[in-house]
């Protein structure tokens, strides 16, 4: 379990570094581009930031959905196990 957490932390750190590098490279390219007007650069920057926020929300909602499904599955597994235990304890059971 601890190893899995370390792997997830490493992967998350690498992804954040990649996003940071991509933003910095994009910012440098927008800054150095002299042929594009400032209004267009701002429009592109707003679009990229809004796209990033949308992607974060999509990932969050998918993670929440998966977590909810996992929680429901664990509750159903525990309920089924409890039913089996009760059936095995009851000597007058029809099973």
PDB file of N, CA and C in Angstrom:
ATOM      1  N   UNK A   1       0.821  -1.183   0.000  1.00  0.00           N
ATOM      2  CA  UNK A   1       0.000   0.000   0.000  1.00  0.00           C
ATOM      3  C   UNK A   1       0.872   1.256   0.000  1.00  0.00           C
ATOM      4  N   UNK A   2       1.942   1.262   0.792  1.00  0.00           N
ATOM      5  CA  UNK A   2       2.819   2.424   0.857  1.00  0.00           C
ATOM      6  C   UNK A   2       3.532   2.620  -0.467  1.00  0.00           C
ATOM      7  N   UNK A   3       3.957   1.516  -1.071  1.00  0.00           N
ATOM      8  CA  UNK A   3       4.635   1.602  -2.368  1.00  0.00           C
ATOM      9  C   UNK A   3       3.711   2.183  -3.425  1.00  0.00           C
ATOM     10  N   UNK A   4       2.427   1.807  -3.364  1.00  0.00           N
ATOM     11  CA  UNK A   4       1.447   2.323  -4.318  1.00  0.00           C
ATOM     12  C   UNK A   4       1.270   3.825  -4.148  1.00  0.00           C
ATOM     13  N   UNK A   5       1.256   4.295  -2.905  1.00  0.00           N
ATOM     14  CA  UNK A   5       1.142   5.736  -2.653  1.00  0.00           C
ATOM     15  C   UNK A   5       2.348   6.476  -3.207  1.00  0.00           C
ATOM     16  N   UNK A   6       3.552   5.906  -3.012  1.00  0.00           N
ATOM     17  CA  UNK A   6       4.754   6.550  -3.521  1.00  0.00           C
ATOM     18  C   UNK A   6       4.739   6.608  -5.037  1.00  0.00           C
ATOM     19  N   UNK A   7       4.277   5.545  -5.680  1.00  0.00           N
ATOM     20  CA  UNK A   7       4.187   5.535  -7.134  1.00  0.00           C
ATOM     21  C   UNK A   7       3.200   6.582  -7.617  1.00  0.00           C
ATOM     22  N   UNK A   8       2.053   6.675  -6.967  1.00  0.00           N
ATOM     23  CA  UNK A   8       1.061   7.684  -7.345  1.00  0.00           C
ATOM     24  C   UNK A   8       1.598   9.092  -7.141  1.00  0.00           C
ATOM     25  N   UNK A   9       2.334   9.314  -6.061  1.00  0.00           N
ATOM     26  CA  UNK A   9       2.907  10.634  -5.803  1.00  0.00           C
ATOM     27  C   UNK A   9       3.941  10.978  -6.872  1.00  0.00           C
ATOM     28  N   UNK A  10       4.742  10.006  -7.259  1.00  0.00           N
ATOM     29  CA  UNK A  10       5.758  10.239  -8.295  1.00  0.00           C
ATOM     30  C   UNK A  10       5.095  10.544  -9.633  1.00  0.00           C
ATOM     31  N   UNK A  11       4.082   9.776  -9.983  1.00  0.00           N
ATOM     32  CA  UNK A  11       3.381   9.999 -11.255  1.00  0.00           C
ATOM     33  C   UNK A  11       2.693  11.357 -11.239  1.00  0.00           C
ATOM     34  N   UNK A  12       2.067  11.707 -10.121  1.00  0.00           N
ATOM     35  CA  UNK A  12       1.413  13.022 -10.018  1.00  0.00           C
ATOM     36  C   UNK A  12       2.434  14.145 -10.144  1.00  0.00           C
ATOM     37  N   UNK A  13       3.587  13.986  -9.503  1.00  0.00           N
ATOM     38  CA  UNK A  13       4.627  15.010  -9.584  1.00  0.00           C
ATOM     39  C   UNK A  13       5.131  15.159 -11.016  1.00  0.00           C
ATOM     40  N   UNK A  14       5.341  14.041 -11.711  1.00  0.00           N
ATOM     41  CA  UNK A  14       5.789  14.112 -13.103  1.00  0.00           C
ATOM     42  C   UNK A  14       4.736  14.765 -13.996  1.00  0.00           C
ATOM     43  N   UNK A  15       3.465  14.449 -13.756  1.00  0.00           N
ATOM     44  CA  UNK A  15       2.403  15.082 -14.536  1.00  0.00           C
ATOM     45  C   UNK A  15       2.340  16.578 -14.272  1.00  0.00           C
ATOM     46  N   UNK A  16       2.469  16.987 -13.019  1.00  0.00           N
ATOM     47  CA  UNK A  16       2.454  18.415 -12.710  1.00  0.00           C
ATOM     48  C   UNK A  16       3.648  19.130 -13.332  1.00  0.00           C
ATOM     49  N   UNK A  17       4.791  18.484 -13.300  1.00  0.00           N
ATOM     50  CA  UNK A  17       5.971  19.084 -13.932  1.00  0.00           C
ATOM     51  C   UNK A  17       5.745  19.222 -15.438  1.00  0.00           C
ATOM     52  N   UNK A  18       5.162  18.217 -16.059  1.00  0.00           N
ATOM     53  CA  UNK A  18       4.872  18.286 -17.485  1.00  0.00           C
ATOM     54  C   UNK A  18       3.907  19.408 -17.826  1.00  0.00           C
ATOM     55  N   UNK A  19       2.872  19.573 -17.000  1.00  0.00           N
ATOM     56  CA  UNK A  19       1.914  20.651 -17.225  1.00  0.00           C
ATOM     57  C   UNK A  19       2.607  22.000 -17.052  1.00  0.00           C
ATOM     58  N   UNK A  20       3.429  22.118 -16.019  1.00  0.00           N
ATOM     59  CA  UNK A  20       4.159  23.363 -15.796  1.00  0.00           C
ATOM     60  C   UNK A  20       5.088  23.706 -16.953  1.00  0.00           C
ATOM     61  N   UNK A  21       5.794  22.709 -17.453  1.00  0.00           N
ATOM     62  CA  UNK A  21       6.686  22.929 -18.597  1.00  0.00           C
ATOM     63  C   UNK A  21       5.883  23.317 -19.835  1.00  0.00           C
ATOM     64  N   UNK A  22       4.761  22.646 -20.045  1.00  0.00           N
ATOM     65  CA  UNK A  22       3.925  22.969 -21.209  1.00  0.00           C
ATOM     66  C   UNK A  22       3.395  24.397 -21.120  1.00  0.00           C
ATOM     67  N   UNK A  23       2.941  24.807 -19.929  1.00  0.00           N
ATOM     68  CA  UNK A  23       2.463  26.179 -19.769  1.00  0.00           C
ATOM     69  C   UNK A  23       3.583  27.185 -19.984  1.00  0.00           C
ATOM     70  N   UNK A  24       4.751  26.900 -19.435  1.00  0.00           N
ATOM     71  CA  UNK A  24       5.851  27.850 -19.603  1.00  0.00           C
ATOM     72  C   UNK A  24       6.284  27.945 -21.063  1.00  0.00           C
ATOM     73  N   UNK A  25       6.345  26.821 -21.761  1.00  0.00           N
ATOM     74  CA  UNK A  25       6.712  26.857 -23.182  1.00  0.00           C
ATOM     75  C   UNK A  25       5.643  27.602 -23.994  1.00  0.00           C
ATOM     76  N   UNK A  26       4.386  27.381 -23.675  1.00  0.00           N
ATOM     77  CA  UNK A  26       3.311  28.089 -24.364  1.00  0.00           C
ATOM     78  C   UNK A  26       3.374  29.583 -24.080  1.00  0.00           C
ATOM     79  N   UNK A  27       3.620  29.935 -22.818  1.00  0.00           N
ATOM     80  CA  UNK A  27       3.747  31.342 -22.465  1.00  0.00           C
ATOM     81  C   UNK A  27       4.912  32.006 -23.185  1.00  0.00           C
ATOM     82  N   UNK A  28       6.037  31.319 -23.264  1.00  0.00           N
ATOM     83  CA  UNK A  28       7.190  31.875 -23.971  1.00  0.00           C
ATOM     84  C   UNK A  28       6.877  32.056 -25.451  1.00  0.00           C
ATOM     85  N   UNK A  29       6.211  31.061 -26.040  1.00  0.00           N
ATOM     86  CA  UNK A  29       5.895  31.182 -27.468  1.00  0.00           C
ATOM     87  C   UNK A  29       4.906  32.318 -27.726  1.00  0.00           C
ATOM     88  N   UNK A  30       3.931  32.495 -26.824  1.00  0.00           N
ATOM     89  CA  UNK A  30       3.001  33.616 -26.983  1.00  0.00           C
ATOM     90  C   UNK A  30       3.711  34.949 -26.765  1.00  0.00           C
ATOM     91  N   UNK A  31       4.620  34.995 -25.812  1.00  0.00           N
ATOM     92  CA  UNK A  31       5.340  36.226 -25.511  1.00  0.00           C
ATOM     93  C   UNK A  31       6.249  36.642 -26.665  1.00  0.00           C
ATOM     94  N   UNK A  32       6.925  35.667 -27.249  1.00  0.00           N
ATOM     95  CA  UNK A  32       7.892  35.973 -28.295  1.00  0.00           C
ATOM     96  C   UNK A  32       7.266  36.126 -29.675  1.00  0.00           C
ATOM     97  N   UNK A  33       6.018  35.730 -29.823  1.00  0.00           N
ATOM     98  CA  UNK A  33       5.352  35.835 -31.119  1.00  0.00           C
ATOM     99  C   UNK A  33       4.998  37.293 -31.379  1.00  0.00           C
ATOM    100  N   UNK A  34       5.670  37.894 -32.343  1.00  0.00           N
ATOM    101  CA  UNK A  34       5.427  39.305 -32.645  1.00  0.00           C
ATOM    102  C   UNK A  34       4.362  39.491 -33.716  1.00  0.00           C
ATOM    103  N   UNK A  35       4.034  38.463 -34.475  1.00  0.00           N
ATOM    104  CA  UNK A  35       3.062  38.586 -35.556  1.00  0.00           C
ATOM    105  C   UNK A  35       1.616  38.542 -35.061  1.00  0.00           C
ATOM    106  N   UNK A  36       1.415  38.041 -33.836  1.00  0.00           N
ATOM    107  CA  UNK A  36       0.063  37.870 -33.303  1.00  0.00           C
ATOM    108  C   UNK A  36      -0.272  39.063 -32.405  1.00  0.00           C
ATOM    109  N   UNK A  37      -1.427  39.706 -32.612  1.00  0.00           N
ATOM    110  CA  UNK A  37      -1.805  40.837 -31.759  1.00  0.00           C
ATOM    111  C   UNK A  37      -2.043  40.398 -30.310  1.00  0.00           C
ATOM    112  N   UNK A  38      -1.916  41.365 -29.398  1.00  0.00           N
ATOM    113  CA  UNK A  38      -2.056  41.071 -27.972  1.00  0.00           C
ATOM    114  C   UNK A  38      -3.455  40.543 -27.636  1.00  0.00           C
ATOM    115  N   UNK A  39      -4.478  41.044 -28.288  1.00  0.00           N
ATOM    116  CA  UNK A  39      -5.843  40.580 -28.020  1.00  0.00           C
ATOM    117  C   UNK A  39      -5.978  39.096 -28.370  1.00  0.00           C
ATOM    118  N   UNK A  40      -5.371  38.677 -29.455  1.00  0.00           N
ATOM    119  CA  UNK A  40      -5.426  37.265 -29.852  1.00  0.00           C
ATOM    120  C   UNK A  40      -4.658  36.406 -28.858  1.00  0.00           C
ATOM    121  N   UNK A  41      -3.530  36.898 -28.381  1.00  0.00           N
ATOM    122  CA  UNK A  41      -2.761  36.155 -27.378  1.00  0.00           C
ATOM    123  C   UNK A  41      -3.591  35.965 -26.106  1.00  0.00           C
ATOM    124  N   UNK A  42      -4.275  37.014 -25.692  1.00  0.00           N
ATOM    125  CA  UNK A  42      -5.125  36.906 -24.503  1.00  0.00           C
ATOM    126  C   UNK A  42      -6.272  35.930 -24.704  1.00  0.00           C
ATOM    127  N   UNK A  43      -6.837  35.945 -25.885  1.00  0.00           N
ATOM    128  CA  UNK A  43      -7.928  35.021 -26.198  1.00  0.00           C
ATOM    129  C   UNK A  43      -7.431  33.582 -26.131  1.00  0.00           C
ATOM    130  N   UNK A  44      -6.258  33.317 -26.705  1.00  0.00           N
ATOM    131  CA  UNK A  44      -5.682  31.974 -26.651  1.00  0.00           C
ATOM    132  C   UNK A  44      -5.391  31.571 -25.203  1.00  0.00           C
ATOM    133  N   UNK A  45      -4.836  32.487 -24.439  1.00  0.00           N
ATOM    134  CA  UNK A  45      -4.504  32.181 -23.048  1.00  0.00           C
ATOM    135  C   UNK A  45      -5.771  31.856 -22.247  1.00  0.00           C
ATOM    136  N   UNK A  46      -6.832  32.646 -22.443  1.00  0.00           N
ATOM    137  CA  UNK A  46      -8.088  32.361 -21.735  1.00  0.00           C
ATOM    138  C   UNK A  46      -8.649  31.001 -22.151  1.00  0.00           C
ATOM    139  N   UNK A  47      -8.592  30.698 -23.422  1.00  0.00           N
ATOM    140  CA  UNK A  47      -9.079  29.404 -23.894  1.00  0.00           C
ATOM    141  C   UNK A  47      -8.310  28.248 -23.284  1.00  0.00           C
ATOM    142  N   UNK A  48      -7.002  28.389 -23.202  1.00  0.00           N
ATOM    143  CA  UNK A  48      -6.173  27.323 -22.630  1.00  0.00           C
ATOM    144  C   UNK A  48      -6.460  27.158 -21.144  1.00  0.00           C
ATOM    145  N   UNK A  49      -6.596  28.257 -20.418  1.00  0.00           N
ATOM    146  CA  UNK A  49      -6.897  28.157 -18.986  1.00  0.00           C
ATOM    147  C   UNK A  49      -8.275  27.552 -18.746  1.00  0.00           C
ATOM    148  N   UNK A  50      -9.263  27.943 -19.538  1.00  0.00           N
ATOM    149  CA  UNK A  50     -10.601  27.364 -19.371  1.00  0.00           C
ATOM    150  C   UNK A  50     -10.618  25.886 -19.746  1.00  0.00           C
ATOM    151  N   UNK A  51      -9.858  25.509 -20.771  1.00  0.00           N
ATOM    152  CA  UNK A  51      -9.744  24.095 -21.126  1.00  0.00           C
ATOM    153  C   UNK A  51      -9.115  23.306 -19.986  1.00  0.00           C
ATOM    154  N   UNK A  52      -8.103  23.881 -19.356  1.00  0.00           N
ATOM    155  CA  UNK A  52      -7.456  23.213 -18.231  1.00  0.00           C
ATOM    156  C   UNK A  52      -8.442  23.024 -17.080  1.00  0.00           C
ATOM    157  N   UNK A  53      -9.203  24.062 -16.767  1.00  0.00           N
ATOM    158  CA  UNK A  53     -10.204  23.937 -15.696  1.00  0.00           C
ATOM    159  C   UNK A  53     -11.251  22.877 -16.032  1.00  0.00           C
ATOM    160  N   UNK A  54     -11.665  22.821 -17.284  1.00  0.00           N
ATOM    161  CA  UNK A  54     -12.644  21.810 -17.698  1.00  0.00           C
ATOM    162  C   UNK A  54     -12.074  20.407 -17.556  1.00  0.00           C
ATOM    163  N   UNK A  55     -10.822  20.222 -17.941  1.00  0.00           N
ATOM    164  CA  UNK A  55     -10.205  18.901 -17.821  1.00  0.00           C
ATOM    165  C   UNK A  55     -10.057  18.490 -16.361  1.00  0.00           C
ATOM    166  N   UNK A  56      -9.730  19.443 -15.494  1.00  0.00           N
ATOM    167  CA  UNK A  56      -9.631  19.134 -14.066  1.00  0.00           C
ATOM    168  C   UNK A  56     -10.993  18.685 -13.541  1.00  0.00           C
ATOM    169  N   UNK A  57     -12.052  19.367 -13.948  1.00  0.00           N
ATOM    170  CA  UNK A  57     -13.399  18.981 -13.504  1.00  0.00           C
ATOM    171  C   UNK A  57     -13.789  17.609 -14.022  1.00  0.00           C
ATOM    172  N   UNK A  58     -13.464  17.306 -15.272  1.00  0.00           N
ATOM    173  CA  UNK A  58     -13.786  15.986 -15.831  1.00  0.00           C
ATOM    174  C   UNK A  58     -13.081  14.899 -15.036  1.00  0.00           C
ATOM    175  N   UNK A  59     -11.805  15.096 -14.755  1.00  0.00           N
ATOM    176  CA  UNK A  59     -11.055  14.090 -13.999  1.00  0.00           C
ATOM    177  C   UNK A  59     -11.627  13.947 -12.594  1.00  0.00           C
ATOM    178  N   UNK A  60     -11.970  15.072 -11.958  1.00  0.00           N
ATOM    179  CA  UNK A  60     -12.529  15.019 -10.611  1.00  0.00           C
ATOM    180  C   UNK A  60     -13.843  14.254 -10.593  1.00  0.00           C
ATOM    181  N   UNK A  61     -14.733  14.546 -11.534  1.00  0.00           N
ATOM    182  CA  UNK A  61     -16.019  13.859 -11.553  1.00  0.00           C
ATOM    183  C   UNK A  61     -15.868  12.380 -11.876  1.00  0.00           C
ATOM    184  N   UNK A  62     -14.942  12.033 -12.745  1.00  0.00           N
ATOM    185  CA  UNK A  62     -14.706  10.610 -13.023  1.00  0.00           C
ATOM    186  C   UNK A  62     -14.161   9.915 -11.787  1.00  0.00           C
ATOM    187  N   UNK A  63     -13.246  10.573 -11.072  1.00  0.00           N
ATOM    188  CA  UNK A  63     -12.696   9.996  -9.848  1.00  0.00           C
ATOM    189  C   UNK A  63     -13.783   9.829  -8.798  1.00  0.00           C
ATOM    190  N   UNK A  64     -14.633  10.842  -8.626  1.00  0.00           N
ATOM    191  CA  UNK A  64     -15.731  10.748  -7.661  1.00  0.00           C
ATOM    192  C   UNK A  64     -16.696   9.626  -8.025  1.00  0.00           C
ATOM    193  N   UNK A  65     -16.987   9.482  -9.312  1.00  0.00           N
ATOM    194  CA  UNK A  65     -17.884   8.424  -9.762  1.00  0.00           C
ATOM    195  C   UNK A  65     -17.279   7.051  -9.487  1.00  0.00           C
ATOM    196  N   UNK A  66     -16.004   6.892  -9.779  1.00  0.00           N
ATOM    197  CA  UNK A  66     -15.341   5.610  -9.533  1.00  0.00           C
ATOM    198  C   UNK A  66     -15.304   5.310  -8.040  1.00  0.00           C
ATOM    199  N   UNK A  67     -15.040   6.324  -7.230  1.00  0.00           N
ATOM    200  CA  UNK A  67     -15.012   6.145  -5.780  1.00  0.00           C
ATOM    201  C   UNK A  67     -16.385   5.734  -5.266  1.00  0.00           C
ATOM    202  N   UNK A  68     -17.431   6.358  -5.788  1.00  0.00           N
ATOM    203  CA  UNK A  68     -18.791   6.017  -5.374  1.00  0.00           C
ATOM    204  C   UNK A  68     -19.136   4.584  -5.766  1.00  0.00           C
ATOM    205  N   UNK A  69     -18.788   4.191  -6.983  1.00  0.00           N
ATOM    206  CA  UNK A  69     -19.063   2.817  -7.421  1.00  0.00           C
ATOM    207  C   UNK A  69     -18.297   1.812  -6.566  1.00  0.00           C
ATOM    208  N   UNK A  70     -17.060   2.143  -6.206  1.00  0.00           N
ATOM    209  CA  UNK A  70     -16.265   1.251  -5.368  1.00  0.00           C
ATOM    210  C   UNK A  70     -16.881   1.126  -3.982  1.00  0.00           C
ATOM    211  N   UNK A  71     -17.356   2.234  -3.438  1.00  0.00           N
ATOM    212  CA  UNK A  71     -17.986   2.215  -2.120  1.00  0.00           C
ATOM    213  C   UNK A  71     -19.262   1.362  -2.151  1.00  0.00           C
ATOM    214  N   UNK A  72     -20.066   1.510  -3.199  1.00  0.00           N
ATOM    215  CA  UNK A  72     -21.298   0.712  -3.325  1.00  0.00           C
ATOM    216  C   UNK A  72     -20.959  -0.771  -3.452  1.00  0.00           C
ATOM    217  N   UNK A  73     -19.925  -1.080  -4.229  1.00  0.00           N
ATOM    218  CA  UNK A  73     -19.525  -2.481  -4.393  1.00  0.00           C
ATOM    219  C   UNK A  73     -19.064  -3.079  -3.069  1.00  0.00           C
ATOM    220  N   UNK A  74     -18.306  -2.304  -2.279  1.00  0.00           N
ATOM    221  CA  UNK A  74     -17.846  -2.815  -0.986  1.00  0.00           C
ATOM    222  C   UNK A  74     -19.021  -3.023  -0.030  1.00  0.00           C
ATOM    223  N   UNK A  75     -20.002  -2.139  -0.063  1.00  0.00           N
ATOM    224  CA  UNK A  75     -21.184  -2.311   0.793  1.00  0.00           C
ATOM    225  C   UNK A  75     -21.956  -3.560   0.382  1.00  0.00           C
ATOM    226  N   UNK A  76     -22.119  -3.778  -0.917  1.00  0.00           N
ATOM    227  CA  UNK A  76     -22.820  -4.975  -1.386  1.00  0.00           C
ATOM    228  C   UNK A  76     -22.050  -6.242  -1.035  1.00  0.00           C
ATOM    229  N   UNK A  77     -20.730  -6.210  -1.148  1.00  0.00           N
ATOM    230  CA  UNK A  77     -19.923  -7.375  -0.772  1.00  0.00           C
ATOM    231  C   UNK A  77     -20.074  -7.690   0.716  1.00  0.00           C
ATOM    232  N   UNK A  78     -20.043  -6.645   1.549  1.00  0.00           N
ATOM    233  CA  UNK A  78     -20.199  -6.852   2.995  1.00  0.00           C
ATOM    234  C   UNK A  78     -21.593  -7.393   3.313  1.00  0.00           C
ATOM    235  N   UNK A  79     -22.614  -6.885   2.628  1.00  0.00           N
ATOM    236  CA  UNK A  79     -23.985  -7.362   2.850  1.00  0.00           C
ATOM    237  C   UNK A  79     -24.106  -8.832   2.450  1.00  0.00           C
ATOM    238  N   UNK A  80     -23.535  -9.180   1.291  1.00  0.00           N
ATOM    239  CA  UNK A  80     -23.593 -10.579   0.843  1.00  0.00           C
ATOM    240  C   UNK A  80     -22.841 -11.496   1.793  1.00  0.00           C
ATOM    241  N   UNK A  81     -21.715 -11.031   2.305  1.00  0.00           N
ATOM    242  CA  UNK A  81     -20.959 -11.844   3.253  1.00  0.00           C
ATOM    243  C   UNK A  81     -21.744 -12.037   4.546  1.00  0.00           C
ATOM    244  N   UNK A  82     -22.419 -10.979   5.000  1.00  0.00           N
ATOM    245  CA  UNK A  82     -23.243 -11.075   6.206  1.00  0.00           C
ATOM    246  C   UNK A  82     -24.396 -12.048   6.000  1.00  0.00           C
ATOM    247  N   UNK A  83     -25.023 -12.016   4.834  1.00  0.00           N
ATOM    248  CA  UNK A  83     -26.115 -12.947   4.536  1.00  0.00           C
ATOM    249  C   UNK A  83     -25.604 -14.379   4.543  1.00  0.00           C
ATOM    250  N   UNK A  84     -24.433 -14.613   3.960  1.00  0.00           N
ATOM    251  CA  UNK A  84     -23.860 -15.967   3.954  1.00  0.00           C
ATOM    252  C   UNK A  84     -23.522 -16.430   5.360  1.00  0.00           C
ATOM    253  N   UNK A  85     -22.952 -15.550   6.185  1.00  0.00           N
ATOM    254  CA  UNK A  85     -22.635 -15.927   7.558  1.00  0.00           C
ATOM    255  C   UNK A  85     -23.895 -16.277   8.336  1.00  0.00           C
ATOM    256  N   UNK A  86     -24.933 -15.475   8.164  1.00  0.00           N
ATOM    257  CA  UNK A  86     -26.194 -15.758   8.860  1.00  0.00           C
ATOM    258  C   UNK A  86     -26.800 -17.072   8.394  1.00  0.00           C
ATOM    259  N   UNK A  87     -26.698 -17.358   7.112  1.00  0.00           N
ATOM    260  CA  UNK A  87     -27.260 -18.607   6.585  1.00  0.00           C
ATOM    261  C   UNK A  87     -26.477 -19.815   7.092  1.00  0.00           C
ATOM    262  N   UNK A  88     -25.183 -19.684   7.249  1.00  0.00           N
ATOM    263  CA  UNK A  88     -24.379 -20.814   7.734  1.00  0.00           C
ATOM    264  C   UNK A  88     -24.547 -21.025   9.237  1.00  0.00           C
ATOM    265  N   UNK A  89     -24.846 -19.981   9.983  1.00  0.00           N
ATOM    266  CA  UNK A  89     -25.050 -20.113  11.426  1.00  0.00           C
ATOM    267  C   UNK A  89     -26.410 -20.718  11.764  1.00  0.00           C
ATOM    268  N   UNK A  90     -27.407 -20.461  10.970  1.00  0.00           N
ATOM    269  CA  UNK A  90     -28.765 -20.886  11.246  1.00  0.00           C
ATOM    270  C   UNK A  90     -28.902 -22.378  10.893  1.00  0.00           C
ATOM    271  N   UNK A  91     -29.100 -23.236  11.883  1.00  0.00           N
ATOM    272  CA  UNK A  91     -29.200 -24.684  11.591  1.00  0.00           C
ATOM    273  C   UNK A  91     -30.512 -25.035  10.889  1.00  0.00           C
ATOM    274  N   UNK A  92     -31.537 -24.227  10.983  1.00  0.00           N
ATOM    275  CA  UNK A  92     -32.831 -24.501  10.361  1.00  0.00           C
ATOM    276  C   UNK A  92     -32.937 -23.886   8.983  1.00  0.00           C
ATOM    277  N   UNK A  93     -31.827 -23.508   8.427  1.00  0.00           N
ATOM    278  CA  UNK A  93     -31.827 -22.836   7.119  1.00  0.00           C
ATOM    279  C   UNK A  93     -32.249 -23.813   6.023  1.00  0.00           C
ATOM    280  N   UNK A  94     -32.875 -23.273   4.951  1.00  0.00           N
ATOM    281  CA  UNK A  94     -33.315 -24.085   3.835  1.00  0.00           C
ATOM    282  C   UNK A  94     -32.178 -24.342   2.844  1.00  0.00           C
ATOM    283  N   UNK A  95     -31.051 -23.759   3.050  1.00  0.00           N
ATOM    284  CA  UNK A  95     -29.941 -23.927   2.094  1.00  0.00           C
ATOM    285  C   UNK A  95     -29.265 -25.252   2.271  1.00  0.00           C
TER     286      UNK A  95
END
